[in-house]
C-alpha cells in the first residue's frame, strides 16, 4: 500500500514544522511556504490531501484551491483549511472539504485528515 502524501501550505515555518511532526509517522509530508510554489510542485507529485492556511504572505488559500479545482491533475484532491480565522460558509463554496481552526489539537487534526483521505 502506498503511503499518502500530504501537502502543507503555511507561511509560518513553526506551523509547518508542528504539522509535519504530527503527520510524518503515518504520511509523507511536503511543506510549502506559499501557494505558487505549492501548486507548481503539487502538479508534479500529486498529493492525496492538501492542508493550507487561509492567509498567506503570497496569496490566499481560496486562490490555491481555485487553481486546484481548475487543474485536471489536482481537481479531486481534498483540501482542508487550517486558519486562525473563524468559520465561514465561503470555505465550502471555495472548494474546501474541511475546516480546522488554529490552534488545533493533534487528535482532531488526525481525525479530519483520516476522514478526508477516506472520502477522497
C-alpha atoms as a PDB file:
ATOM      1  CA  UNK A   1       0.000   0.000   0.000  1.00  0.00           C
ATOM      2  CA  UNK A   2       1.287   3.429  -0.942  1.00  0.00           C
ATOM      3  CA  UNK A   3       1.808   5.962   1.842  1.00  0.00           C
ATOM      4  CA  UNK A   4      -0.462   9.010   1.318  1.00  0.00           C
ATOM      5  CA  UNK A   5       1.214  12.320   0.508  1.00  0.00           C
ATOM      6  CA  UNK A   6       0.015  15.408   2.360  1.00  0.00           C
ATOM      7  CA  UNK A   7       0.928  18.906   1.175  1.00  0.00           C
ATOM      8  CA  UNK A   8       1.067  21.586   3.861  1.00  0.00           C
ATOM      9  CA  UNK A   9       0.961  25.239   2.809  1.00  0.00           C
ATOM     10  CA  UNK A  10       1.547  27.839   5.515  1.00  0.00           C
ATOM     11  CA  UNK A  11       3.778  30.891   5.542  1.00  0.00           C
ATOM     12  CA  UNK A  12       4.749  30.278   9.178  1.00  0.00           C
ATOM     13  CA  UNK A  13       7.626  27.817   9.449  1.00  0.00           C
ATOM     14  CA  UNK A  14       6.691  26.886  13.014  1.00  0.00           C
ATOM     15  CA  UNK A  15       3.187  25.815  11.946  1.00  0.00           C
ATOM     16  CA  UNK A  16       4.593  23.726   9.102  1.00  0.00           C
ATOM     17  CA  UNK A  17       7.086  22.098  11.491  1.00  0.00           C
ATOM     18  CA  UNK A  18       4.393  21.219  14.044  1.00  0.00           C
ATOM     19  CA  UNK A  19       2.095  19.719  11.400  1.00  0.00           C
ATOM     20  CA  UNK A  20       4.998  17.749   9.965  1.00  0.00           C
ATOM     21  CA  UNK A  21       5.883  16.311  13.372  1.00  0.00           C
ATOM     22  CA  UNK A  22       2.278  15.237  13.974  1.00  0.00           C
ATOM     23  CA  UNK A  23       1.771  13.729  10.490  1.00  0.00           C
ATOM     24  CA  UNK A  24       5.170  12.296   9.499  1.00  0.00           C
ATOM     25  CA  UNK A  25       4.775   8.923  11.239  1.00  0.00           C
ATOM     26  CA  UNK A  26       1.815   7.974   9.022  1.00  0.00           C
ATOM     27  CA  UNK A  27       2.168  10.140   5.921  1.00  0.00           C
ATOM     28  CA  UNK A  28       4.696  11.584   3.510  1.00  0.00           C
ATOM     29  CA  UNK A  29       4.621  15.313   4.152  1.00  0.00           C
ATOM     30  CA  UNK A  30       5.530  18.024   1.659  1.00  0.00           C
ATOM     31  CA  UNK A  31       5.788  21.527   3.067  1.00  0.00           C
ATOM     32  CA  UNK A  32       5.494  24.865   1.228  1.00  0.00           C
ATOM     33  CA  UNK A  33       5.539  28.477   2.353  1.00  0.00           C
ATOM     34  CA  UNK A  34       3.411  29.883  -0.478  1.00  0.00           C
ATOM     35  CA  UNK A  35       0.624  28.919  -2.850  1.00  0.00           C
ATOM     36  CA  UNK A  36       2.585  29.396  -6.081  1.00  0.00           C
ATOM     37  CA  UNK A  37       5.415  27.021  -5.175  1.00  0.00           C
ATOM     38  CA  UNK A  38       2.950  24.529  -3.718  1.00  0.00           C
ATOM     39  CA  UNK A  39       0.782  24.481  -6.831  1.00  0.00           C
ATOM     40  CA  UNK A  40       3.773  24.009  -9.140  1.00  0.00           C
ATOM     41  CA  UNK A  41       5.167  21.142  -7.075  1.00  0.00           C
ATOM     42  CA  UNK A  42       1.795  19.511  -6.428  1.00  0.00           C
ATOM     43  CA  UNK A  43       1.248  19.165 -10.167  1.00  0.00           C
ATOM     44  CA  UNK A  44       4.499  17.150 -10.337  1.00  0.00           C
ATOM     45  CA  UNK A  45       3.858  14.949  -7.289  1.00  0.00           C
ATOM     46  CA  UNK A  46       0.113  14.787  -6.786  1.00  0.00           C
ATOM     47  CA  UNK A  47      -0.664  14.840  -3.068  1.00  0.00           C
ATOM     48  CA  UNK A  48      -3.517  12.822  -1.630  1.00  0.00           C
ATOM     49  CA  UNK A  49      -4.539  15.724   0.608  1.00  0.00           C
ATOM     50  CA  UNK A  50      -3.799  19.443   0.944  1.00  0.00           C
ATOM     51  CA  UNK A  51      -3.799  21.387   4.214  1.00  0.00           C
ATOM     52  CA  UNK A  52      -3.489  25.131   3.714  1.00  0.00           C
ATOM     53  CA  UNK A  53      -3.666  28.278   5.758  1.00  0.00           C
ATOM     54  CA  UNK A  54      -6.135  30.869   4.532  1.00  0.00           C
ATOM     55  CA  UNK A  55      -3.945  33.957   4.785  1.00  0.00           C
ATOM     56  CA  UNK A  56      -0.550  33.520   3.173  1.00  0.00           C
ATOM     57  CA  UNK A  57       2.105  36.145   2.509  1.00  0.00           C
ATOM     58  CA  UNK A  58       1.798  35.356  -1.186  1.00  0.00           C
ATOM     59  CA  UNK A  59      -1.861  34.676  -1.948  1.00  0.00           C
ATOM     60  CA  UNK A  60      -4.717  33.114  -0.064  1.00  0.00           C
ATOM     61  CA  UNK A  61      -5.836  29.543   0.469  1.00  0.00           C
ATOM     62  CA  UNK A  62      -9.009  30.021  -1.571  1.00  0.00           C
ATOM     63  CA  UNK A  63      -6.912  31.033  -4.567  1.00  0.00           C
ATOM     64  CA  UNK A  64      -4.856  27.853  -4.284  1.00  0.00           C
ATOM     65  CA  UNK A  65      -7.981  25.688  -4.089  1.00  0.00           C
ATOM     66  CA  UNK A  66      -9.491  27.519  -7.075  1.00  0.00           C
ATOM     67  CA  UNK A  67      -6.340  26.679  -9.091  1.00  0.00           C
ATOM     68  CA  UNK A  68      -6.587  23.066  -7.919  1.00  0.00           C
ATOM     69  CA  UNK A  69     -10.252  22.724  -8.921  1.00  0.00           C
ATOM     70  CA  UNK A  70      -9.414  24.052 -12.420  1.00  0.00           C
ATOM     71  CA  UNK A  71      -6.489  21.668 -12.868  1.00  0.00           C
ATOM     72  CA  UNK A  72      -7.171  18.186 -14.301  1.00  0.00           C
ATOM     73  CA  UNK A  73      -4.450  16.607 -12.145  1.00  0.00           C
ATOM     74  CA  UNK A  74      -5.464  18.185  -8.816  1.00  0.00           C
ATOM     75  CA  UNK A  75      -9.194  18.720  -9.360  1.00  0.00           C
ATOM     76  CA  UNK A  76     -10.369  15.984  -6.983  1.00  0.00           C
ATOM     77  CA  UNK A  77      -7.668  16.358  -4.335  1.00  0.00           C
ATOM     78  CA  UNK A  78      -9.329  17.073  -0.979  1.00  0.00           C
ATOM     79  CA  UNK A  79      -8.319  20.281   0.772  1.00  0.00           C
ATOM     80  CA  UNK A  80      -8.514  21.299   4.426  1.00  0.00           C
ATOM     81  CA  UNK A  81      -8.319  24.927   5.505  1.00  0.00           C
ATOM     82  CA  UNK A  82      -6.374  25.395   8.748  1.00  0.00           C
ATOM     83  CA  UNK A  83      -6.684  29.000   9.836  1.00  0.00           C
ATOM     84  CA  UNK A  84      -6.899  31.369  12.743  1.00  0.00           C
ATOM     85  CA  UNK A  85      -9.982  32.916  11.139  1.00  0.00           C
ATOM     86  CA  UNK A  86     -13.468  31.967  12.338  1.00  0.00           C
ATOM     87  CA  UNK A  87     -15.542  29.549  10.283  1.00  0.00           C
ATOM     88  CA  UNK A  88     -17.091  30.999   7.132  1.00  0.00           C
ATOM     89  CA  UNK A  89     -19.579  29.260   4.810  1.00  0.00           C
ATOM     90  CA  UNK A  90     -17.421  30.532   1.964  1.00  0.00           C
ATOM     91  CA  UNK A  91     -14.783  27.916   2.781  1.00  0.00           C
ATOM     92  CA  UNK A  92     -17.006  25.113   1.478  1.00  0.00           C
ATOM     93  CA  UNK A  93     -18.039  27.200  -1.533  1.00  0.00           C
ATOM     94  CA  UNK A  94     -14.361  27.767  -2.300  1.00  0.00           C
ATOM     95  CA  UNK A  95     -13.788  24.005  -2.506  1.00  0.00           C
ATOM     96  CA  UNK A  96     -12.518  23.044   0.947  1.00  0.00           C
ATOM     97  CA  UNK A  97     -13.800  19.748   2.336  1.00  0.00           C
ATOM     98  CA  UNK A  98     -12.973  20.562   5.957  1.00  0.00           C
ATOM     99  CA  UNK A  99     -12.255  23.458   8.288  1.00  0.00           C
ATOM    100  CA  UNK A 100      -9.867  23.462  11.233  1.00  0.00           C
ATOM    101  CA  UNK A 101      -9.225  26.475  13.437  1.00  0.00           C
ATOM    102  CA  UNK A 102      -5.771  27.209  14.826  1.00  0.00           C
ATOM    103  CA  UNK A 103      -4.579  26.100  17.229  1.00  0.00           C
ATOM    104  CA  UNK A 104      -5.783  22.591  16.518  1.00  0.00           C
ATOM    105  CA  UNK A 105      -5.450  19.594  18.812  1.00  0.00           C
ATOM    106  CA  UNK A 106      -3.356  16.749  17.370  1.00  0.00           C
ATOM    107  CA  UNK A 107      -6.193  14.228  17.743  1.00  0.00           C
ATOM    108  CA  UNK A 108      -8.632  16.482  15.922  1.00  0.00           C
ATOM    109  CA  UNK A 109      -6.111  17.086  13.127  1.00  0.00           C
ATOM    110  CA  UNK A 110      -5.533  13.349  12.686  1.00  0.00           C
ATOM    111  CA  UNK A 111      -9.270  12.630  12.704  1.00  0.00           C
ATOM    112  CA  UNK A 112     -10.007  15.213   9.989  1.00  0.00           C
ATOM    113  CA  UNK A 113      -7.007  14.076   7.907  1.00  0.00           C
ATOM    114  CA  UNK A 114      -8.094  10.428   8.093  1.00  0.00           C
ATOM    115  CA  UNK A 115     -11.701  11.288   7.244  1.00  0.00           C
ATOM    116  CA  UNK A 116     -10.621  13.443   4.309  1.00  0.00           C
ATOM    117  CA  UNK A 117      -8.385  10.698   2.913  1.00  0.00           C
ATOM    118  CA  UNK A 118     -11.116   8.074   3.325  1.00  0.00           C
ATOM    119  CA  UNK A 119     -13.651  10.151   1.385  1.00  0.00           C
ATOM    120  CA  UNK A 120     -11.345  11.161  -1.471  1.00  0.00           C
END
